[in-house]
Amino acid sequence: MHLRNREIADEEEPMIRGEQRRLFHGAIGVREQEQCLGHYYTVLWRNDEVGEPVEVRFEYQQGESGSRVLTKTQTFDGSMEKGRAEFRIIGDEYLKKGRVLAWRCSLWRGGREIEHRQSYLWE
């Protein structure tokens, strides 16, 4: 989800309006609300293998980062067959470096890539 401004539009779908309110929950002042602006990505993953830890990698490029690829990772216990990873590019990271232009998300287990998805602009 891309949270672009502090306004919650009444004409939006109820699910989107509810998600916007959830993301702003607890942000009282203008500065706190600005720190909630940005991109939110939720990755639901499943892999029937167990044993070695699972790593979900989120690689992305932002408007001000040029062609440089930035990476965020989350690691899960090896006994897990499924999980949920959340990646946020928000606050100063979003306000200073700009919006996410392209992304790639991959699932790794034991040093090998199991699966990946990417945006159409990813090269």
C-alpha atoms as a PDB file:
ATOM      1  CA  MET A   1       0.000   0.000   0.000  1.00  0.00           C
ATOM      2  CA  HIS A   2       1.236   3.476  -0.799  1.00  0.00           C
ATOM      3  CA  LEU A   3       0.243   6.009   1.855  1.00  0.00           C
ATOM      4  CA  ARG A   4       0.840   9.326   0.046  1.00  0.00           C
ATOM      5  CA  ASN A   5      -0.635  11.959   2.324  1.00  0.00           C
ATOM      6  CA  ARG A   6      -2.255  12.453   5.712  1.00  0.00           C
ATOM      7  CA  GLU A   7      -5.779  12.733   4.334  1.00  0.00           C
ATOM      8  CA  ILE A   8      -8.121   9.754   4.669  1.00  0.00           C
ATOM      9  CA  ALA A   9     -10.507   9.980   1.732  1.00  0.00           C
ATOM     10  CA  ASP A  10     -14.147   9.279   2.594  1.00  0.00           C
ATOM     11  CA  GLU A  11     -14.996   8.142  -0.935  1.00  0.00           C
ATOM     12  CA  GLU A  12     -12.408   5.325  -0.851  1.00  0.00           C
ATOM     13  CA  GLU A  13     -13.411   1.705  -0.402  1.00  0.00           C
ATOM     14  CA  PRO A  14     -14.102   0.802   3.247  1.00  0.00           C
ATOM     15  CA  MET A  15     -11.222  -1.718   3.336  1.00  0.00           C
ATOM     16  CA  ILE A  16      -8.718   0.891   2.138  1.00  0.00           C
ATOM     17  CA  ARG A  17     -10.052   3.505   4.536  1.00  0.00           C
ATOM     18  CA  GLY A  18      -9.712   0.999   7.403  1.00  0.00           C
ATOM     19  CA  GLU A  19      -6.140   0.164   6.398  1.00  0.00           C
ATOM     20  CA  GLN A  20      -5.239   3.865   6.254  1.00  0.00           C
ATOM     21  CA  ARG A  21      -6.631   4.363   9.743  1.00  0.00           C
ATOM     22  CA  ARG A  22      -4.721   1.319  11.014  1.00  0.00           C
ATOM     23  CA  LEU A  23      -1.438   2.674   9.622  1.00  0.00           C
ATOM     24  CA  PHE A  24      -2.016   6.075  11.245  1.00  0.00           C
ATOM     25  CA  HIS A  25      -3.053   4.548  14.583  1.00  0.00           C
ATOM     26  CA  GLY A  26      -1.171   6.192  17.429  1.00  0.00           C
ATOM     27  CA  ALA A  27       0.247   9.033  15.314  1.00  0.00           C
ATOM     28  CA  ILE A  28      -1.017  12.147  17.080  1.00  0.00           C
ATOM     29  CA  GLY A  29       0.817  15.161  15.696  1.00  0.00           C
ATOM     30  CA  VAL A  30       1.549  16.209  12.144  1.00  0.00           C
ATOM     31  CA  ARG A  31       5.199  15.068  12.408  1.00  0.00           C
ATOM     32  CA  GLU A  32       4.162  11.614  13.667  1.00  0.00           C
ATOM     33  CA  GLN A  33       1.624  11.310  10.845  1.00  0.00           C
ATOM     34  CA  GLU A  34       4.266  12.304   8.264  1.00  0.00           C
ATOM     35  CA  GLN A  35       6.482   9.502   9.605  1.00  0.00           C
ATOM     36  CA  CYS A  36       3.715   7.032   8.632  1.00  0.00           C
ATOM     37  CA  LEU A  37       3.758   8.092   4.976  1.00  0.00           C
ATOM     38  CA  GLY A  38       5.380   5.734   2.506  1.00  0.00           C
ATOM     39  CA  HIS A  39       5.167   2.227   1.067  1.00  0.00           C
ATOM     40  CA  TYR A  40       3.970  -0.837   2.968  1.00  0.00           C
ATOM     41  CA  TYR A  41       4.526  -4.364   1.594  1.00  0.00           C
ATOM     42  CA  THR A  42       3.165  -7.557   3.126  1.00  0.00           C
ATOM     43  CA  VAL A  43       4.570 -10.870   1.905  1.00  0.00           C
ATOM     44  CA  LEU A  44       2.781 -14.121   2.709  1.00  0.00           C
ATOM     45  CA  TRP A  45       5.078 -17.060   2.057  1.00  0.00           C
ATOM     46  CA  ARG A  46       4.817 -20.840   2.130  1.00  0.00           C
ATOM     47  CA  ASN A  47       7.451 -23.531   1.652  1.00  0.00           C
ATOM     48  CA  ASP A  48       6.844 -27.165   2.564  1.00  0.00           C
ATOM     49  CA  GLU A  49      10.488 -27.844   3.388  1.00  0.00           C
ATOM     50  CA  VAL A  50      11.616 -27.526   6.994  1.00  0.00           C
ATOM     51  CA  GLY A  51      15.058 -27.473   8.515  1.00  0.00           C
ATOM     52  CA  GLU A  52      17.156 -24.474   7.606  1.00  0.00           C
ATOM     53  CA  PRO A  53      16.055 -20.909   8.392  1.00  0.00           C
ATOM     54  CA  VAL A  54      13.972 -19.022   5.847  1.00  0.00           C
ATOM     55  CA  GLU A  55      14.994 -15.578   4.643  1.00  0.00           C
ATOM     56  CA  VAL A  56      12.634 -13.215   2.847  1.00  0.00           C
ATOM     57  CA  ARG A  57      14.543 -10.533   0.908  1.00  0.00           C
ATOM     58  CA  PHE A  58      12.972  -7.340  -0.324  1.00  0.00           C
ATOM     59  CA  GLU A  59      15.123  -5.449  -2.827  1.00  0.00           C
ATOM     60  CA  TYR A  60      13.999  -2.082  -4.122  1.00  0.00           C
ATOM     61  CA  GLN A  61      14.988   1.115  -5.882  1.00  0.00           C
ATOM     62  CA  GLN A  62      13.776   4.544  -4.850  1.00  0.00           C
ATOM     63  CA  GLY A  63      13.478   7.755  -6.835  1.00  0.00           C
ATOM     64  CA  GLU A  64      16.507   9.408  -5.228  1.00  0.00           C
ATOM     65  CA  SER A  65      18.702   6.298  -4.965  1.00  0.00           C
ATOM     66  CA  GLY A  66      19.355   6.124  -8.707  1.00  0.00           C
ATOM     67  CA  SER A  67      20.193   2.621  -9.894  1.00  0.00           C
ATOM     68  CA  ARG A  68      21.399   1.541  -6.440  1.00  0.00           C
ATOM     69  CA  VAL A  69      19.502  -1.469  -5.074  1.00  0.00           C
ATOM     70  CA  LEU A  70      18.526  -1.296  -1.406  1.00  0.00           C
ATOM     71  CA  THR A  71      17.699  -4.450   0.571  1.00  0.00           C
ATOM     72  CA  LYS A  72      15.639  -5.351   3.629  1.00  0.00           C
ATOM     73  CA  THR A  73      15.504  -8.901   4.999  1.00  0.00           C
ATOM     74  CA  GLN A  74      13.568 -10.885   7.548  1.00  0.00           C
ATOM     75  CA  THR A  75      14.641 -14.308   8.824  1.00  0.00           C
ATOM     76  CA  PHE A  76      12.297 -16.984  10.160  1.00  0.00           C
ATOM     77  CA  ASP A  77      12.871 -20.160  12.131  1.00  0.00           C
ATOM     78  CA  GLY A  78      13.667 -23.272  10.079  1.00  0.00           C
ATOM     79  CA  SER A  79      10.696 -25.175  11.486  1.00  0.00           C
ATOM     80  CA  MET A  80       8.206 -22.775   9.880  1.00  0.00           C
ATOM     81  CA  GLU A  81       6.406 -23.815   6.681  1.00  0.00           C
ATOM     82  CA  LYS A  82       4.628 -20.495   6.195  1.00  0.00           C
ATOM     83  CA  GLY A  83       4.783 -16.965   7.468  1.00  0.00           C
ATOM     84  CA  ARG A  84       4.207 -13.269   6.955  1.00  0.00           C
ATOM     85  CA  ALA A  85       6.906 -10.664   6.380  1.00  0.00           C
ATOM     86  CA  GLU A  86       6.201  -6.942   6.399  1.00  0.00           C
ATOM     87  CA  PHE A  87       8.481  -4.371   4.839  1.00  0.00           C
ATOM     88  CA  ARG A  88       8.064  -0.636   5.289  1.00  0.00           C
ATOM     89  CA  ILE A  89       9.735   2.176   3.417  1.00  0.00           C
ATOM     90  CA  ILE A  90       8.304   5.033   5.460  1.00  0.00           C
ATOM     91  CA  GLY A  91       9.181   8.170   7.377  1.00  0.00           C
ATOM     92  CA  ASP A  92      12.444   9.931   6.589  1.00  0.00           C
ATOM     93  CA  GLU A  93      13.560   7.052   4.371  1.00  0.00           C
ATOM     94  CA  TYR A  94      10.537   7.700   2.150  1.00  0.00           C
ATOM     95  CA  LEU A  95      10.416  11.493   2.512  1.00  0.00           C
ATOM     96  CA  LYS A  96      14.116  11.972   1.610  1.00  0.00           C
ATOM     97  CA  LYS A  97      14.711   9.179  -0.923  1.00  0.00           C
ATOM     98  CA  GLY A  98      11.346   9.242  -2.684  1.00  0.00           C
ATOM     99  CA  ARG A  99       8.877   6.599  -3.678  1.00  0.00           C
ATOM    100  CA  VAL A 100       9.697   3.015  -4.550  1.00  0.00           C
ATOM    101  CA  LEU A 101      10.054   2.688  -8.321  1.00  0.00           C
ATOM    102  CA  ALA A 102      10.812  -1.027  -8.662  1.00  0.00           C
ATOM    103  CA  TRP A 103      11.017  -4.005  -6.301  1.00  0.00           C
ATOM    104  CA  ARG A 104      11.857  -7.698  -6.128  1.00  0.00           C
ATOM    105  CA  CYS A 105      10.944 -10.054  -3.302  1.00  0.00           C
ATOM    106  CA  SER A 106      12.529 -13.494  -2.913  1.00  0.00           C
ATOM    107  CA  LEU A 107      12.291 -16.468  -0.557  1.00  0.00           C
ATOM    108  CA  TRP A 108      15.557 -18.188   0.416  1.00  0.00           C
ATOM    109  CA  ARG A 109      16.200 -21.362   2.390  1.00  0.00           C
ATOM    110  CA  GLY A 110      19.637 -22.821   2.998  1.00  0.00           C
ATOM    111  CA  GLY A 111      21.389 -20.289   0.756  1.00  0.00           C
ATOM    112  CA  ARG A 112      19.290 -21.057  -2.326  1.00  0.00           C
ATOM    113  CA  GLU A 113      16.462 -19.075  -3.817  1.00  0.00           C
ATOM    114  CA  ILE A 114      13.125 -20.907  -3.706  1.00  0.00           C
ATOM    115  CA  GLU A 115      10.784 -18.359  -5.281  1.00  0.00           C
ATOM    116  CA  HIS A 116      10.615 -14.709  -6.271  1.00  0.00           C
ATOM    117  CA  ARG A 117       8.190 -12.054  -7.465  1.00  0.00           C
ATOM    118  CA  GLN A 118       9.029  -8.667  -8.902  1.00  0.00           C
ATOM    119  CA  SER A 119       7.451  -5.495 -10.207  1.00  0.00           C
ATOM    120  CA  TYR A 120       7.285  -5.014 -13.950  1.00  0.00           C
ATOM    121  CA  LEU A 121       9.899  -2.244 -13.776  1.00  0.00           C
ATOM    122  CA  TRP A 122      12.524  -4.470 -12.106  1.00  0.00           C
ATOM    123  CA  GLU A 123      15.479  -5.200 -14.384  1.00  0.00           C
END
